[in-house]
Amino acid sequence: MNAYAVAHLRSVDFGAEIIEYLQKIDATLAPYGGRFLVHGVDPEVKEGPFPGHLIVIEFPDLGQARAWYDSPAYQEILPLRTENSDGSAVLVDGAPSGYRATDYLAKVIGSS
C-alpha cells in the first residue's frame, strides 16, 4: 500500500538555503522510490483558510517513507527547509484499493 509524505508550508523564505534544498531533495528520494505528486502549485482553496502550499510525495509503503525521512542524506538537508519555512509535515499510509468511507465508520463504531 502506498504511503505519503505530506507537508503544508505556510510560509517560505525563498533564499539560498531553500534553493539548495530543492537542488538536493530529488537525490534523497530516489533510493526509496519517492516521487512528487503535488509540488510547486497554488491550491484552489474551497473551504477555510489555507495559507501557503501543499507538497505530497508518494512512496511504495510507509517503511520506505520513514527510511527516506530518517536517512542521513535527507536529515543533512532538512534544516535547509525547517530553518527557512513555517509548516507541518506528516507521513501517512494511503487507503487500500477498494476503500470506502464507510470502512472508517465501521472501524469507529466497532471500537466504541
N, C-alpha and C. Protein backbone atom coordinates (compact mmCIF):
# COMPACT_ATOMS: atom_id res chain seq x y z
N MET A 1 0.85 -1.17 0.00
CA MET A 1 0.00 0.00 0.00
C MET A 1 0.89 1.23 0.00
N ASN A 2 0.63 2.17 -0.88
CA ASN A 2 1.42 3.39 -0.96
C ASN A 2 1.29 4.21 0.31
N ALA A 3 2.30 5.00 0.57
CA ALA A 3 2.31 5.92 1.69
C ALA A 3 2.76 7.28 1.17
N TYR A 4 2.53 8.29 1.98
CA TYR A 4 2.78 9.65 1.51
C TYR A 4 3.46 10.49 2.58
N ALA A 5 4.36 11.34 2.13
CA ALA A 5 4.89 12.42 2.95
C ALA A 5 4.12 13.66 2.51
N VAL A 6 3.45 14.29 3.45
CA VAL A 6 2.61 15.44 3.14
C VAL A 6 3.11 16.62 3.97
N ALA A 7 3.33 17.74 3.33
CA ALA A 7 3.76 18.94 4.03
C ALA A 7 2.86 20.10 3.65
N HIS A 8 2.52 20.90 4.64
CA HIS A 8 1.81 22.15 4.41
C HIS A 8 2.77 23.25 4.85
N LEU A 9 3.36 23.91 3.88
CA LEU A 9 4.29 25.00 4.16
C LEU A 9 3.51 26.31 4.10
N ARG A 10 3.32 26.89 5.28
CA ARG A 10 2.53 28.11 5.38
C ARG A 10 3.31 29.32 4.86
N SER A 11 4.60 29.32 5.07
CA SER A 11 5.43 30.40 4.53
C SER A 11 6.83 29.87 4.29
N VAL A 12 7.50 30.44 3.30
CA VAL A 12 8.85 30.02 2.93
C VAL A 12 9.68 31.26 2.64
N ASP A 13 10.87 31.31 3.24
CA ASP A 13 11.84 32.36 2.93
C ASP A 13 12.67 31.82 1.77
N PHE A 14 12.30 32.22 0.57
CA PHE A 14 12.91 31.64 -0.63
C PHE A 14 14.27 32.27 -0.89
N GLY A 15 15.26 31.77 -0.17
CA GLY A 15 16.62 32.25 -0.33
C GLY A 15 17.56 31.13 -0.75
N ALA A 16 18.83 31.33 -0.54
CA ALA A 16 19.85 30.37 -0.97
C ALA A 16 19.67 28.99 -0.34
N GLU A 17 19.23 28.94 0.92
CA GLU A 17 19.08 27.64 1.59
C GLU A 17 17.95 26.82 0.99
N ILE A 18 16.84 27.46 0.67
CA ILE A 18 15.72 26.73 0.05
C ILE A 18 16.11 26.29 -1.36
N ILE A 19 16.83 27.12 -2.08
CA ILE A 19 17.31 26.73 -3.41
C ILE A 19 18.19 25.49 -3.31
N GLU A 20 19.10 25.48 -2.34
CA GLU A 20 19.96 24.32 -2.14
C GLU A 20 19.14 23.08 -1.79
N TYR A 21 18.16 23.24 -0.90
CA TYR A 21 17.27 22.13 -0.51
C TYR A 21 16.59 21.54 -1.76
N LEU A 22 16.03 22.41 -2.59
CA LEU A 22 15.33 21.94 -3.79
C LEU A 22 16.28 21.27 -4.78
N GLN A 23 17.52 21.74 -4.84
CA GLN A 23 18.50 21.13 -5.73
C GLN A 23 18.92 19.74 -5.25
N LYS A 24 18.79 19.46 -3.96
CA LYS A 24 19.28 18.20 -3.40
C LYS A 24 18.21 17.17 -3.05
N ILE A 25 16.95 17.57 -2.90
CA ILE A 25 15.94 16.64 -2.39
C ILE A 25 15.68 15.47 -3.33
N ASP A 26 15.67 15.69 -4.63
CA ASP A 26 15.36 14.58 -5.55
C ASP A 26 16.30 13.40 -5.36
N ALA A 27 17.57 13.67 -5.15
CA ALA A 27 18.54 12.59 -4.96
C ALA A 27 18.26 11.81 -3.68
N THR A 28 17.67 12.46 -2.67
CA THR A 28 17.35 11.74 -1.43
C THR A 28 16.13 10.85 -1.60
N LEU A 29 15.24 11.19 -2.52
CA LEU A 29 14.01 10.42 -2.74
C LEU A 29 14.26 9.14 -3.53
N ALA A 30 15.13 9.21 -4.51
CA ALA A 30 15.32 8.12 -5.47
C ALA A 30 15.57 6.75 -4.83
N PRO A 31 16.45 6.63 -3.83
CA PRO A 31 16.71 5.30 -3.26
C PRO A 31 15.49 4.67 -2.55
N TYR A 32 14.48 5.48 -2.26
CA TYR A 32 13.32 5.00 -1.51
C TYR A 32 12.05 4.96 -2.36
N GLY A 33 12.20 5.16 -3.65
CA GLY A 33 11.05 5.10 -4.55
C GLY A 33 10.10 6.27 -4.40
N GLY A 34 10.59 7.39 -3.86
CA GLY A 34 9.74 8.56 -3.66
C GLY A 34 9.62 9.39 -4.92
N ARG A 35 8.42 9.96 -5.09
CA ARG A 35 8.20 10.85 -6.23
C ARG A 35 7.16 11.89 -5.86
N PHE A 36 7.39 13.10 -6.34
CA PHE A 36 6.44 14.18 -6.08
C PHE A 36 5.13 13.94 -6.81
N LEU A 37 4.03 14.08 -6.09
CA LEU A 37 2.70 14.06 -6.69
C LEU A 37 2.14 15.48 -6.76
N VAL A 38 2.42 16.27 -5.73
CA VAL A 38 1.97 17.67 -5.68
C VAL A 38 3.16 18.49 -5.20
N HIS A 39 3.53 19.52 -5.98
CA HIS A 39 4.66 20.36 -5.59
C HIS A 39 4.70 21.59 -6.47
N GLY A 40 4.83 22.74 -5.86
CA GLY A 40 5.02 23.96 -6.63
C GLY A 40 3.79 24.50 -7.33
N VAL A 41 2.62 24.14 -6.85
CA VAL A 41 1.39 24.66 -7.45
C VAL A 41 0.55 25.34 -6.37
N ASP A 42 -0.21 26.34 -6.76
CA ASP A 42 -1.10 27.01 -5.83
C ASP A 42 -2.39 26.20 -5.70
N PRO A 43 -2.79 25.88 -4.47
CA PRO A 43 -4.02 25.12 -4.30
C PRO A 43 -5.25 25.98 -4.59
N GLU A 44 -6.27 25.34 -5.08
CA GLU A 44 -7.57 26.02 -5.26
C GLU A 44 -8.34 25.78 -3.97
N VAL A 45 -8.33 26.75 -3.09
CA VAL A 45 -8.93 26.61 -1.77
C VAL A 45 -10.44 26.73 -1.89
N LYS A 46 -11.15 25.73 -1.39
CA LYS A 46 -12.61 25.71 -1.44
C LYS A 46 -13.26 25.97 -0.09
N GLU A 47 -12.57 25.62 0.99
CA GLU A 47 -13.13 25.81 2.33
C GLU A 47 -12.03 26.19 3.31
N GLY A 48 -12.29 27.17 4.13
CA GLY A 48 -11.38 27.55 5.20
C GLY A 48 -10.11 28.19 4.72
N PRO A 49 -9.36 28.72 5.66
CA PRO A 49 -8.08 29.34 5.29
C PRO A 49 -7.02 28.27 4.98
N PHE A 50 -6.22 28.53 3.99
CA PHE A 50 -5.14 27.61 3.64
C PHE A 50 -3.97 28.42 3.09
N PRO A 51 -3.25 29.09 3.99
CA PRO A 51 -2.10 29.86 3.51
C PRO A 51 -0.97 28.93 3.09
N GLY A 52 -0.24 29.31 2.09
CA GLY A 52 0.94 28.54 1.70
C GLY A 52 0.68 27.49 0.65
N HIS A 53 1.50 26.44 0.72
CA HIS A 53 1.49 25.42 -0.32
C HIS A 53 1.44 24.02 0.28
N LEU A 54 0.96 23.09 -0.52
CA LEU A 54 0.88 21.68 -0.14
C LEU A 54 1.88 20.90 -0.99
N ILE A 55 2.59 19.98 -0.34
CA ILE A 55 3.53 19.10 -1.03
C ILE A 55 3.13 17.68 -0.69
N VAL A 56 3.04 16.82 -1.69
CA VAL A 56 2.72 15.41 -1.48
C VAL A 56 3.75 14.59 -2.24
N ILE A 57 4.43 13.70 -1.50
CA ILE A 57 5.42 12.80 -2.08
C ILE A 57 4.95 11.37 -1.84
N GLU A 58 4.89 10.58 -2.89
CA GLU A 58 4.42 9.20 -2.79
C GLU A 58 5.61 8.25 -2.63
N PHE A 59 5.42 7.23 -1.80
CA PHE A 59 6.40 6.17 -1.59
C PHE A 59 5.70 4.82 -1.75
N PRO A 60 6.45 3.76 -2.02
CA PRO A 60 5.84 2.43 -2.17
C PRO A 60 5.13 1.95 -0.90
N ASP A 61 5.62 2.36 0.27
CA ASP A 61 4.99 1.95 1.53
C ASP A 61 5.50 2.85 2.64
N LEU A 62 4.90 2.73 3.83
CA LEU A 62 5.27 3.57 4.95
C LEU A 62 6.71 3.34 5.41
N GLY A 63 7.18 2.11 5.31
CA GLY A 63 8.56 1.81 5.67
C GLY A 63 9.56 2.58 4.82
N GLN A 64 9.28 2.69 3.52
CA GLN A 64 10.17 3.46 2.63
C GLN A 64 10.08 4.95 2.93
N ALA A 65 8.88 5.43 3.24
CA ALA A 65 8.73 6.85 3.59
C ALA A 65 9.51 7.17 4.86
N ARG A 66 9.41 6.31 5.86
CA ARG A 66 10.16 6.52 7.11
C ARG A 66 11.67 6.45 6.86
N ALA A 67 12.07 5.46 6.06
CA ALA A 67 13.50 5.30 5.78
C ALA A 67 14.05 6.53 5.06
N TRP A 68 13.28 7.09 4.13
CA TRP A 68 13.70 8.31 3.45
C TRP A 68 13.84 9.46 4.44
N TYR A 69 12.79 9.71 5.24
CA TYR A 69 12.82 10.84 6.16
C TYR A 69 13.97 10.73 7.16
N ASP A 70 14.22 9.53 7.65
CA ASP A 70 15.27 9.30 8.64
C ASP A 70 16.66 9.11 8.03
N SER A 71 16.76 9.05 6.71
CA SER A 71 18.04 8.79 6.07
C SER A 71 19.05 9.91 6.35
N PRO A 72 20.32 9.55 6.42
CA PRO A 72 21.35 10.59 6.61
C PRO A 72 21.32 11.65 5.51
N ALA A 73 21.04 11.25 4.29
CA ALA A 73 21.02 12.21 3.18
C ALA A 73 19.91 13.24 3.36
N TYR A 74 18.72 12.80 3.77
CA TYR A 74 17.63 13.76 3.96
C TYR A 74 17.83 14.58 5.23
N GLN A 75 18.25 13.93 6.29
CA GLN A 75 18.48 14.66 7.54
C GLN A 75 19.53 15.75 7.37
N GLU A 76 20.48 15.52 6.48
CA GLU A 76 21.51 16.53 6.22
C GLU A 76 20.94 17.80 5.61
N ILE A 77 19.94 17.67 4.72
CA ILE A 77 19.38 18.85 4.06
C ILE A 77 18.12 19.39 4.75
N LEU A 78 17.52 18.63 5.63
CA LEU A 78 16.27 19.03 6.28
C LEU A 78 16.36 20.41 6.94
N PRO A 79 17.42 20.74 7.67
CA PRO A 79 17.48 22.08 8.28
C PRO A 79 17.42 23.23 7.26
N LEU A 80 17.82 22.97 6.02
CA LEU A 80 17.71 24.00 5.00
C LEU A 80 16.27 24.43 4.81
N ARG A 81 15.34 23.47 4.97
CA ARG A 81 13.91 23.79 4.86
C ARG A 81 13.34 24.25 6.19
N THR A 82 13.57 23.50 7.26
CA THR A 82 12.92 23.80 8.53
C THR A 82 13.37 25.14 9.12
N GLU A 83 14.58 25.56 8.84
CA GLU A 83 15.06 26.83 9.35
C GLU A 83 14.68 28.02 8.46
N ASN A 84 14.04 27.72 7.34
CA ASN A 84 13.67 28.77 6.39
C ASN A 84 12.22 28.70 5.95
N SER A 85 11.41 28.00 6.73
CA SER A 85 9.99 27.91 6.41
C SER A 85 9.20 27.63 7.68
N ASP A 86 7.91 27.88 7.60
CA ASP A 86 6.99 27.55 8.68
C ASP A 86 5.98 26.57 8.12
N GLY A 87 5.91 25.39 8.72
CA GLY A 87 4.97 24.41 8.19
C GLY A 87 4.91 23.16 9.03
N SER A 88 4.15 22.21 8.54
CA SER A 88 3.98 20.92 9.18
C SER A 88 4.23 19.83 8.15
N ALA A 89 4.73 18.69 8.63
CA ALA A 89 4.96 17.55 7.73
C ALA A 89 4.54 16.28 8.45
N VAL A 90 3.92 15.37 7.71
CA VAL A 90 3.47 14.09 8.25
C VAL A 90 3.77 12.98 7.26
N LEU A 91 3.89 11.77 7.78
CA LEU A 91 3.94 10.56 6.96
C LEU A 91 2.64 9.82 7.22
N VAL A 92 2.03 9.31 6.17
CA VAL A 92 0.72 8.67 6.32
C VAL A 92 0.56 7.55 5.30
N ASP A 93 -0.07 6.45 5.75
CA ASP A 93 -0.44 5.37 4.84
C ASP A 93 -1.55 5.83 3.93
N GLY A 94 -1.54 5.35 2.70
CA GLY A 94 -2.65 5.58 1.80
C GLY A 94 -3.77 4.60 2.09
N ALA A 95 -4.92 4.84 1.50
CA ALA A 95 -6.06 3.93 1.65
C ALA A 95 -5.86 2.74 0.72
N PRO A 96 -6.22 1.54 1.18
CA PRO A 96 -6.09 0.37 0.31
C PRO A 96 -7.08 0.42 -0.86
N SER A 97 -6.78 -0.33 -1.88
CA SER A 97 -7.66 -0.42 -3.04
C SER A 97 -9.06 -0.85 -2.58
N GLY A 98 -10.07 -0.20 -3.11
CA GLY A 98 -11.44 -0.54 -2.77
C GLY A 98 -11.95 0.10 -1.49
N TYR A 99 -11.14 0.90 -0.84
CA TYR A 99 -11.54 1.54 0.42
C TYR A 99 -12.74 2.45 0.20
N ARG A 100 -13.63 2.44 1.20
CA ARG A 100 -14.80 3.32 1.17
C ARG A 100 -14.89 4.04 2.51
N ALA A 101 -15.48 5.20 2.53
CA ALA A 101 -15.61 5.98 3.76
C ALA A 101 -16.32 5.19 4.85
N THR A 102 -17.24 4.33 4.45
CA THR A 102 -17.96 3.53 5.45
C THR A 102 -17.05 2.52 6.14
N ASP A 103 -15.89 2.20 5.55
CA ASP A 103 -14.92 1.33 6.22
C ASP A 103 -14.44 2.00 7.50
N TYR A 104 -14.21 3.30 7.46
CA TYR A 104 -13.79 4.03 8.66
C TYR A 104 -14.93 4.09 9.67
N LEU A 105 -16.13 4.31 9.18
CA LEU A 105 -17.29 4.34 10.07
C LEU A 105 -17.42 3.03 10.82
N ALA A 106 -17.26 1.91 10.12
CA ALA A 106 -17.34 0.61 10.77
C ALA A 106 -16.23 0.45 11.83
N LYS A 107 -15.06 0.97 11.54
CA LYS A 107 -13.95 0.89 12.48
C LYS A 107 -14.25 1.70 13.74
N VAL A 108 -14.77 2.91 13.57
CA VAL A 108 -15.07 3.80 14.70
C VAL A 108 -16.21 3.24 15.54
N ILE A 109 -17.26 2.81 14.91
CA ILE A 109 -18.42 2.28 15.64
C ILE A 109 -18.05 0.96 16.31
N GLY A 110 -17.24 0.16 15.61
CA GLY A 110 -16.83 -1.13 16.16
C GLY A 110 -15.90 -1.01 17.34
N SER A 111 -15.19 0.14 17.46
CA SER A 111 -14.23 0.28 18.55
C SER A 111 -14.83 0.96 19.78
N SER A 112 -16.07 1.41 19.68
CA SER A 112 -16.65 2.09 20.86
C SER A 112 -17.42 1.15 21.74
